Amino acid sequence: MSMQSRSNIDNRAFILSGMTFVKEAETIIQDAGRTAVLKFGTLMAKIAASGKWTPFINEAATNGTAHPQGIYVGDELTAAKIVAGDVLNCPILVGGVCTIDSGQLTIEASKTLATVITVGTTDLRTVEDHLQTKGIFVESTVDAAGIEN
């Protein structure tokens, strides 16, 4: 009897090139209703009044969170940890002159890079446009090791 086994190791880099600016000690605000893990590479927004971070989920919010401000680049956070209280000392990629792998960027609530920010401006721009103003450019990659006949 023959048997086939396969093991995939994803070693693609999230940051593909360039220089980055990461704030290492940021706070992610408590979300008592959260049910999913916060993944590495999640697009984040910043609450204007508190300076705390939350996943970008609403392009029409009026508390500052309608504008993507960074990307979470730490280990996965469990939903339980975020439900329990604010999460301290979180690394957030806030800018630079870099390219990132679009396949590893997580945007929650069915938003995309093409989502148009609709609050506070007559100069409508997409999520991708906002990242570019911070020096974060998105690039598609192909995992050559993942292709199999």
N, C-alpha and C. Protein backbone atom coordinates (compact mmCIF):
# COMPACT_ATOMS: atom_id res chain seq x y z
N MET A 1 0.85 -1.16 0.00
CA MET A 1 0.00 0.00 0.00
C MET A 1 0.90 1.24 0.00
N SER A 2 0.63 2.15 -0.91
CA SER A 2 1.41 3.38 -0.95
C SER A 2 0.63 4.50 -0.27
N MET A 3 1.38 5.42 0.24
CA MET A 3 0.77 6.54 0.96
C MET A 3 1.52 7.81 0.59
N GLN A 4 0.78 8.88 0.44
CA GLN A 4 1.41 10.16 0.12
C GLN A 4 1.20 11.11 1.27
N SER A 5 2.25 11.82 1.60
CA SER A 5 2.17 12.80 2.68
C SER A 5 2.68 14.13 2.15
N ARG A 6 2.11 15.20 2.66
CA ARG A 6 2.51 16.52 2.19
C ARG A 6 2.57 17.47 3.37
N SER A 7 3.58 18.30 3.39
CA SER A 7 3.73 19.31 4.44
C SER A 7 4.05 20.64 3.77
N ASN A 8 3.26 21.64 4.06
CA ASN A 8 3.50 22.97 3.49
C ASN A 8 4.03 23.89 4.57
N ILE A 9 5.11 24.52 4.28
CA ILE A 9 5.67 25.52 5.17
C ILE A 9 5.65 26.83 4.41
N ASP A 10 4.94 27.81 4.94
CA ASP A 10 4.85 29.11 4.29
C ASP A 10 5.94 30.01 4.86
N ASN A 11 6.92 30.31 4.06
CA ASN A 11 8.00 31.17 4.53
C ASN A 11 8.09 32.46 3.73
N ARG A 12 6.96 32.83 3.14
CA ARG A 12 6.93 34.10 2.41
C ARG A 12 7.02 35.25 3.42
N ALA A 13 7.77 36.25 3.08
CA ALA A 13 7.89 37.42 3.94
C ALA A 13 6.66 38.30 3.79
N PHE A 14 6.20 38.90 4.88
CA PHE A 14 5.10 39.85 4.82
C PHE A 14 5.62 41.17 4.26
N ILE A 15 6.74 41.64 4.77
CA ILE A 15 7.36 42.87 4.27
C ILE A 15 8.33 42.45 3.19
N LEU A 16 8.04 42.84 1.97
CA LEU A 16 8.79 42.39 0.81
C LEU A 16 10.04 43.21 0.56
N SER A 17 9.98 44.50 0.83
CA SER A 17 11.13 45.36 0.60
C SER A 17 10.96 46.68 1.31
N GLY A 18 12.06 47.40 1.44
CA GLY A 18 12.01 48.76 1.95
C GLY A 18 12.26 48.89 3.44
N MET A 19 12.01 50.10 3.92
CA MET A 19 12.22 50.46 5.31
C MET A 19 10.86 50.65 5.98
N THR A 20 10.73 50.18 7.21
CA THR A 20 9.46 50.27 7.92
C THR A 20 9.59 51.06 9.21
N PHE A 21 8.47 51.61 9.65
CA PHE A 21 8.37 52.25 10.95
C PHE A 21 7.33 51.48 11.75
N VAL A 22 7.75 50.87 12.84
CA VAL A 22 6.85 50.09 13.68
C VAL A 22 6.83 50.70 15.07
N LYS A 23 5.64 50.98 15.57
CA LYS A 23 5.47 51.40 16.97
C LYS A 23 5.29 50.11 17.77
N GLU A 24 6.17 49.88 18.74
CA GLU A 24 6.23 48.60 19.44
C GLU A 24 5.31 48.49 20.65
N ALA A 25 4.87 49.59 21.22
CA ALA A 25 4.15 49.54 22.50
C ALA A 25 2.76 50.17 22.40
N GLU A 26 2.01 49.80 21.38
CA GLU A 26 0.68 50.35 21.18
C GLU A 26 -0.38 49.52 21.92
N THR A 27 -1.56 50.11 22.12
CA THR A 27 -2.64 49.46 22.85
C THR A 27 -3.80 49.17 21.91
N ILE A 28 -4.25 47.91 21.92
CA ILE A 28 -5.45 47.52 21.18
C ILE A 28 -6.60 47.52 22.16
N ILE A 29 -7.66 48.25 21.81
CA ILE A 29 -8.78 48.46 22.72
C ILE A 29 -9.59 47.18 22.94
N GLN A 30 -10.12 47.06 24.14
CA GLN A 30 -10.99 45.93 24.48
C GLN A 30 -12.20 45.90 23.56
N ASP A 31 -12.60 44.70 23.16
CA ASP A 31 -13.80 44.50 22.36
C ASP A 31 -14.55 43.32 22.97
N ALA A 32 -15.55 43.64 23.79
CA ALA A 32 -16.28 42.60 24.53
C ALA A 32 -17.05 41.66 23.62
N GLY A 33 -17.30 42.06 22.38
CA GLY A 33 -18.06 41.21 21.47
C GLY A 33 -17.22 40.44 20.47
N ARG A 34 -15.91 40.51 20.59
CA ARG A 34 -15.04 39.86 19.60
C ARG A 34 -15.10 38.34 19.73
N THR A 35 -15.16 37.66 18.58
CA THR A 35 -15.22 36.20 18.57
C THR A 35 -14.11 35.56 17.74
N ALA A 36 -13.30 36.35 17.06
CA ALA A 36 -12.25 35.81 16.20
C ALA A 36 -10.87 36.27 16.67
N VAL A 37 -9.85 35.48 16.35
CA VAL A 37 -8.49 35.90 16.67
C VAL A 37 -8.13 37.13 15.86
N LEU A 38 -7.22 37.93 16.39
CA LEU A 38 -6.66 39.05 15.64
C LEU A 38 -5.37 38.52 15.02
N LYS A 39 -5.36 38.42 13.70
CA LYS A 39 -4.24 37.81 12.99
C LYS A 39 -3.11 38.80 12.74
N PHE A 40 -1.90 38.26 12.63
CA PHE A 40 -0.77 39.02 12.13
C PHE A 40 -1.17 39.56 10.77
N GLY A 41 -0.86 40.82 10.50
CA GLY A 41 -1.17 41.41 9.20
C GLY A 41 -2.54 42.03 9.09
N THR A 42 -3.23 42.23 10.24
CA THR A 42 -4.57 42.83 10.20
C THR A 42 -4.48 44.35 10.07
N LEU A 43 -5.25 44.89 9.15
CA LEU A 43 -5.31 46.34 8.96
C LEU A 43 -5.99 46.98 10.16
N MET A 44 -5.37 48.03 10.70
CA MET A 44 -5.84 48.66 11.94
C MET A 44 -6.19 50.13 11.72
N ALA A 45 -7.09 50.61 12.58
CA ALA A 45 -7.47 52.02 12.63
C ALA A 45 -7.22 52.51 14.05
N LYS A 46 -7.11 53.82 14.20
CA LYS A 46 -6.79 54.40 15.50
C LYS A 46 -7.94 55.29 15.97
N ILE A 47 -8.37 55.08 17.20
CA ILE A 47 -9.43 55.91 17.78
C ILE A 47 -8.82 57.26 18.14
N ALA A 48 -9.35 58.31 17.58
CA ALA A 48 -8.76 59.64 17.73
C ALA A 48 -8.69 60.10 19.19
N ALA A 49 -9.74 59.90 19.96
CA ALA A 49 -9.79 60.42 21.33
C ALA A 49 -8.84 59.69 22.28
N SER A 50 -8.66 58.39 22.11
CA SER A 50 -7.87 57.63 23.06
C SER A 50 -6.49 57.24 22.55
N GLY A 51 -6.31 57.22 21.23
CA GLY A 51 -5.05 56.78 20.66
C GLY A 51 -4.91 55.26 20.64
N LYS A 52 -5.97 54.55 21.01
CA LYS A 52 -5.95 53.09 21.00
C LYS A 52 -6.32 52.57 19.62
N TRP A 53 -5.90 51.36 19.34
CA TRP A 53 -6.09 50.76 18.03
C TRP A 53 -7.23 49.76 18.02
N THR A 54 -7.85 49.61 16.85
CA THR A 54 -8.92 48.64 16.63
C THR A 54 -8.84 48.20 15.17
N PRO A 55 -9.28 46.99 14.85
CA PRO A 55 -9.27 46.60 13.44
C PRO A 55 -10.13 47.55 12.61
N PHE A 56 -9.67 47.84 11.40
CA PHE A 56 -10.43 48.67 10.46
C PHE A 56 -11.64 47.87 10.00
N ILE A 57 -12.86 48.37 10.31
CA ILE A 57 -14.07 47.65 9.91
C ILE A 57 -15.17 48.57 9.37
N ASN A 58 -14.99 49.89 9.52
CA ASN A 58 -16.08 50.80 9.15
C ASN A 58 -15.52 52.05 8.48
N GLU A 59 -15.67 52.13 7.17
CA GLU A 59 -15.15 53.27 6.40
C GLU A 59 -15.98 54.54 6.56
N ALA A 60 -17.06 54.48 7.34
CA ALA A 60 -17.90 55.66 7.56
C ALA A 60 -17.92 56.08 9.03
N ALA A 61 -17.08 55.51 9.87
CA ALA A 61 -17.06 55.85 11.31
C ALA A 61 -16.60 57.29 11.50
N THR A 62 -17.08 57.92 12.55
CA THR A 62 -16.74 59.33 12.80
C THR A 62 -15.81 59.51 14.00
N ASN A 63 -15.28 58.43 14.55
CA ASN A 63 -14.37 58.54 15.71
C ASN A 63 -12.90 58.41 15.32
N GLY A 64 -12.60 58.51 14.05
CA GLY A 64 -11.24 58.39 13.56
C GLY A 64 -10.92 57.04 12.97
N THR A 65 -11.76 56.05 13.23
CA THR A 65 -11.46 54.69 12.79
C THR A 65 -11.87 54.40 11.35
N ALA A 66 -12.37 55.39 10.64
CA ALA A 66 -12.71 55.19 9.23
C ALA A 66 -11.45 55.20 8.36
N HIS A 67 -10.34 55.64 8.92
CA HIS A 67 -9.10 55.75 8.16
C HIS A 67 -8.09 54.72 8.63
N PRO A 68 -7.67 53.81 7.75
CA PRO A 68 -6.63 52.84 8.12
C PRO A 68 -5.35 53.58 8.50
N GLN A 69 -4.77 53.21 9.64
CA GLN A 69 -3.58 53.91 10.13
C GLN A 69 -2.36 53.02 10.27
N GLY A 70 -2.55 51.69 10.20
CA GLY A 70 -1.42 50.80 10.38
C GLY A 70 -1.82 49.35 10.21
N ILE A 71 -0.84 48.47 10.44
CA ILE A 71 -1.05 47.04 10.29
C ILE A 71 -0.47 46.35 11.52
N TYR A 72 -1.27 45.48 12.14
CA TYR A 72 -0.81 44.73 13.30
C TYR A 72 0.22 43.70 12.85
N VAL A 73 1.41 43.72 13.48
CA VAL A 73 2.49 42.82 13.08
C VAL A 73 3.01 41.99 14.26
N GLY A 74 2.14 41.68 15.19
CA GLY A 74 2.51 40.83 16.32
C GLY A 74 1.94 39.44 16.17
N ASP A 75 2.16 38.63 17.20
CA ASP A 75 1.59 37.28 17.23
C ASP A 75 0.07 37.37 17.28
N GLU A 76 -0.60 36.29 16.83
CA GLU A 76 -2.06 36.26 16.89
C GLU A 76 -2.53 36.51 18.31
N LEU A 77 -3.60 37.30 18.43
CA LEU A 77 -4.22 37.55 19.74
C LEU A 77 -5.54 36.80 19.78
N THR A 78 -5.76 36.04 20.82
CA THR A 78 -7.02 35.30 20.93
C THR A 78 -8.17 36.27 21.18
N ALA A 79 -9.35 35.85 20.78
CA ALA A 79 -10.54 36.66 21.04
C ALA A 79 -10.71 36.87 22.54
N ALA A 80 -10.42 35.83 23.33
CA ALA A 80 -10.58 35.92 24.79
C ALA A 80 -9.71 37.03 25.38
N LYS A 81 -8.51 37.18 24.86
CA LYS A 81 -7.60 38.21 25.36
C LYS A 81 -8.15 39.61 25.06
N ILE A 82 -8.72 39.78 23.88
CA ILE A 82 -9.27 41.09 23.50
C ILE A 82 -10.58 41.35 24.24
N VAL A 83 -11.36 40.32 24.51
CA VAL A 83 -12.61 40.45 25.26
C VAL A 83 -12.31 40.84 26.71
N ALA A 84 -11.21 40.32 27.26
CA ALA A 84 -10.88 40.52 28.68
C ALA A 84 -10.46 41.96 29.01
N GLY A 85 -9.89 42.66 28.07
CA GLY A 85 -9.44 44.03 28.36
C GLY A 85 -8.53 44.55 27.26
N ASP A 86 -8.06 45.79 27.43
CA ASP A 86 -7.11 46.35 26.48
C ASP A 86 -5.87 45.46 26.42
N VAL A 87 -5.29 45.32 25.24
CA VAL A 87 -4.08 44.54 25.06
C VAL A 87 -2.93 45.52 24.87
N LEU A 88 -1.94 45.45 25.76
CA LEU A 88 -0.83 46.40 25.77
C LEU A 88 0.38 45.87 24.99
N ASN A 89 1.27 46.78 24.65
CA ASN A 89 2.55 46.46 24.02
C ASN A 89 2.41 45.70 22.70
N CYS A 90 1.56 46.20 21.85
CA CYS A 90 1.32 45.59 20.54
C CYS A 90 2.10 46.32 19.46
N PRO A 91 2.79 45.60 18.56
CA PRO A 91 3.52 46.24 17.48
C PRO A 91 2.60 46.55 16.29
N ILE A 92 2.65 47.79 15.84
CA ILE A 92 1.85 48.23 14.69
C ILE A 92 2.78 48.87 13.66
N LEU A 93 2.73 48.37 12.44
CA LEU A 93 3.45 48.97 11.32
C LEU A 93 2.68 50.23 10.93
N VAL A 94 3.32 51.40 11.11
CA VAL A 94 2.61 52.66 10.88
C VAL A 94 3.09 53.41 9.66
N GLY A 95 4.12 52.94 9.01
CA GLY A 95 4.57 53.63 7.82
C GLY A 95 5.95 53.19 7.39
N GLY A 96 6.54 53.99 6.53
CA GLY A 96 7.87 53.70 6.01
C GLY A 96 7.90 53.97 4.53
N VAL A 97 8.70 53.23 3.86
CA VAL A 97 8.75 53.19 2.41
C VAL A 97 8.95 51.71 2.10
N CYS A 98 7.86 50.97 2.10
CA CYS A 98 7.96 49.52 2.01
C CYS A 98 6.84 48.93 1.16
N THR A 99 7.07 47.70 0.73
CA THR A 99 6.02 46.94 0.07
C THR A 99 5.70 45.74 0.95
N ILE A 100 4.40 45.39 0.98
CA ILE A 100 3.96 44.24 1.76
C ILE A 100 3.23 43.26 0.84
N ASP A 101 3.13 42.02 1.29
CA ASP A 101 2.46 40.98 0.52
C ASP A 101 0.95 41.09 0.71
N SER A 102 0.24 41.38 -0.37
CA SER A 102 -1.22 41.55 -0.29
C SER A 102 -1.92 40.28 0.18
N GLY A 103 -1.34 39.12 -0.12
CA GLY A 103 -1.95 37.87 0.27
C GLY A 103 -1.92 37.62 1.78
N GLN A 104 -1.08 38.35 2.50
CA GLN A 104 -0.98 38.18 3.94
C GLN A 104 -1.63 39.33 4.72
N LEU A 105 -2.17 40.31 4.00
CA LEU A 105 -2.88 41.41 4.64
C LEU A 105 -4.30 40.97 4.94
N THR A 106 -4.74 41.15 6.18
CA THR A 106 -6.10 40.80 6.59
C THR A 106 -6.89 42.08 6.80
N ILE A 107 -8.01 42.18 6.09
CA ILE A 107 -8.92 43.31 6.29
C ILE A 107 -10.25 42.69 6.71
N GLU A 108 -10.70 43.03 7.91
CA GLU A 108 -11.89 42.40 8.47
C GLU A 108 -13.18 43.01 7.90
N ALA A 109 -14.30 42.39 8.25
CA ALA A 109 -15.65 42.86 7.92
C ALA A 109 -15.89 42.98 6.41
N SER A 110 -15.30 42.10 5.65
CA SER A 110 -15.48 42.05 4.18
C SER A 110 -15.04 43.33 3.48
N LYS A 111 -14.16 44.09 4.09
CA LYS A 111 -13.60 45.27 3.42
C LYS A 111 -12.43 44.82 2.56
N THR A 112 -12.05 45.64 1.59
CA THR A 112 -10.95 45.31 0.69
C THR A 112 -10.05 46.52 0.50
N LEU A 113 -8.98 46.33 -0.26
CA LEU A 113 -8.11 47.46 -0.59
C LEU A 113 -8.85 48.49 -1.44
N ALA A 114 -9.91 48.08 -2.12
CA ALA A 114 -10.69 48.98 -2.97
C ALA A 114 -11.83 49.67 -2.23
N THR A 115 -12.03 49.37 -0.94
CA THR A 115 -13.08 50.03 -0.17
C THR A 115 -12.81 51.53 -0.14
N VAL A 116 -13.82 52.32 -0.45
CA VAL A 116 -13.68 53.78 -0.49
C VAL A 116 -14.03 54.36 0.88
N ILE A 117 -13.12 55.18 1.42
CA ILE A 117 -13.36 55.85 2.70
C ILE A 117 -14.34 56.99 2.44
N THR A 118 -15.48 56.96 3.14
CA THR A 118 -16.56 57.88 2.81
C THR A 118 -16.83 58.96 3.84
N VAL A 119 -16.01 59.08 4.87
CA VAL A 119 -16.28 60.06 5.90
C VAL A 119 -15.20 61.14 5.92
N GLY A 120 -15.63 62.36 6.17
CA GLY A 120 -14.70 63.46 6.46
C GLY A 120 -13.91 64.00 5.30
N THR A 121 -14.30 63.70 4.08
CA THR A 121 -13.50 64.21 2.97
C THR A 121 -14.34 64.29 1.70
N THR A 122 -13.98 65.25 0.88
CA THR A 122 -14.56 65.28 -0.46
C THR A 122 -13.58 64.66 -1.45
N ASP A 123 -12.37 64.37 -0.96
CA ASP A 123 -11.33 63.71 -1.74
C ASP A 123 -11.41 62.22 -1.41
N LEU A 124 -12.34 61.52 -2.04
CA LEU A 124 -12.56 60.11 -1.73
C LEU A 124 -11.37 59.27 -2.17
N ARG A 125 -10.86 58.47 -1.22
CA ARG A 125 -9.73 57.59 -1.50
C ARG A 125 -10.03 56.20 -0.98
N THR A 126 -9.34 55.22 -1.55
CA THR A 126 -9.53 53.83 -1.14
C THR A 126 -8.62 53.50 0.04
N VAL A 127 -8.83 52.33 0.60
CA VAL A 127 -7.96 51.83 1.66
C VAL A 127 -6.52 51.79 1.16
N GLU A 128 -6.31 51.27 -0.04
CA GLU A 128 -4.97 51.20 -0.61
C GLU A 128 -4.34 52.59 -0.75
N ASP A 129 -5.14 53.59 -1.15
CA ASP A 129 -4.64 54.96 -1.26
C ASP A 129 -4.15 55.47 0.10
N HIS A 130 -4.90 55.18 1.16
CA HIS A 130 -4.51 55.61 2.51
C HIS A 130 -3.21 54.95 2.95
N LEU A 131 -3.04 53.68 2.65
CA LEU A 131 -1.79 53.01 2.99
C LEU A 131 -0.61 53.63 2.24
N GLN A 132 -0.83 53.98 0.99
CA GLN A 132 0.24 54.58 0.19
C GLN A 132 0.68 55.92 0.75
N THR A 133 -0.24 56.70 1.32
CA THR A 133 0.15 57.98 1.91
C THR A 133 1.04 57.78 3.14
N LYS A 134 1.02 56.59 3.71
CA LYS A 134 1.87 56.25 4.85
C LYS A 134 3.16 55.56 4.41
N GLY A 135 3.32 55.37 3.10
CA GLY A 135 4.52 54.73 2.59
C GLY A 135 4.45 53.21 2.62
N ILE A 136 3.23 52.68 2.68
CA ILE A 136 3.03 51.22 2.68
C ILE A 136 2.36 50.86 1.36
N PHE A 137 3.08 50.11 0.54
CA PHE A 137 2.58 49.75 -0.78
C PHE A 137 2.31 48.25 -0.82
N VAL A 138 1.21 47.87 -1.45
CA VAL A 138 0.77 46.48 -1.48
C VAL A 138 1.15 45.86 -2.80
N GLU A 139 1.70 44.65 -2.73
CA GLU A 139 2.13 43.95 -3.93
C GLU A 139 1.64 42.51 -3.86
N SER A 140 1.17 41.99 -5.00
CA SER A 140 0.75 40.59 -5.07
C SER A 140 1.97 39.72 -5.29
N THR A 141 2.00 38.57 -4.64
CA THR A 141 3.10 37.62 -4.81
C THR A 141 2.53 36.25 -5.16
N VAL A 142 3.40 35.42 -5.71
CA VAL A 142 3.04 34.04 -6.01
C VAL A 142 4.01 33.15 -5.25
N ASP A 143 3.48 32.20 -4.50
CA ASP A 143 4.31 31.24 -3.77
C ASP A 143 4.68 30.12 -4.72
N ALA A 144 5.87 30.20 -5.29
CA ALA A 144 6.30 29.22 -6.29
C ALA A 144 6.36 27.81 -5.71
N ALA A 145 6.65 27.68 -4.43
CA ALA A 145 6.71 26.36 -3.80
C ALA A 145 5.31 25.75 -3.66
N GLY A 146 4.27 26.58 -3.73
CA GLY A 146 2.92 26.10 -3.55
C GLY A 146 2.30 25.52 -4.80
N ILE A 147 2.93 25.68 -5.97
CA ILE A 147 2.39 25.19 -7.21
C ILE A 147 2.77 23.72 -7.37
N GLU A 148 1.78 22.92 -7.63
CA GLU A 148 2.00 21.48 -7.73
C GLU A 148 1.19 20.93 -8.89
N ASN A 149 1.69 19.90 -9.59
CA ASN A 149 0.90 19.32 -10.68
C ASN A 149 0.00 18.24 -10.17
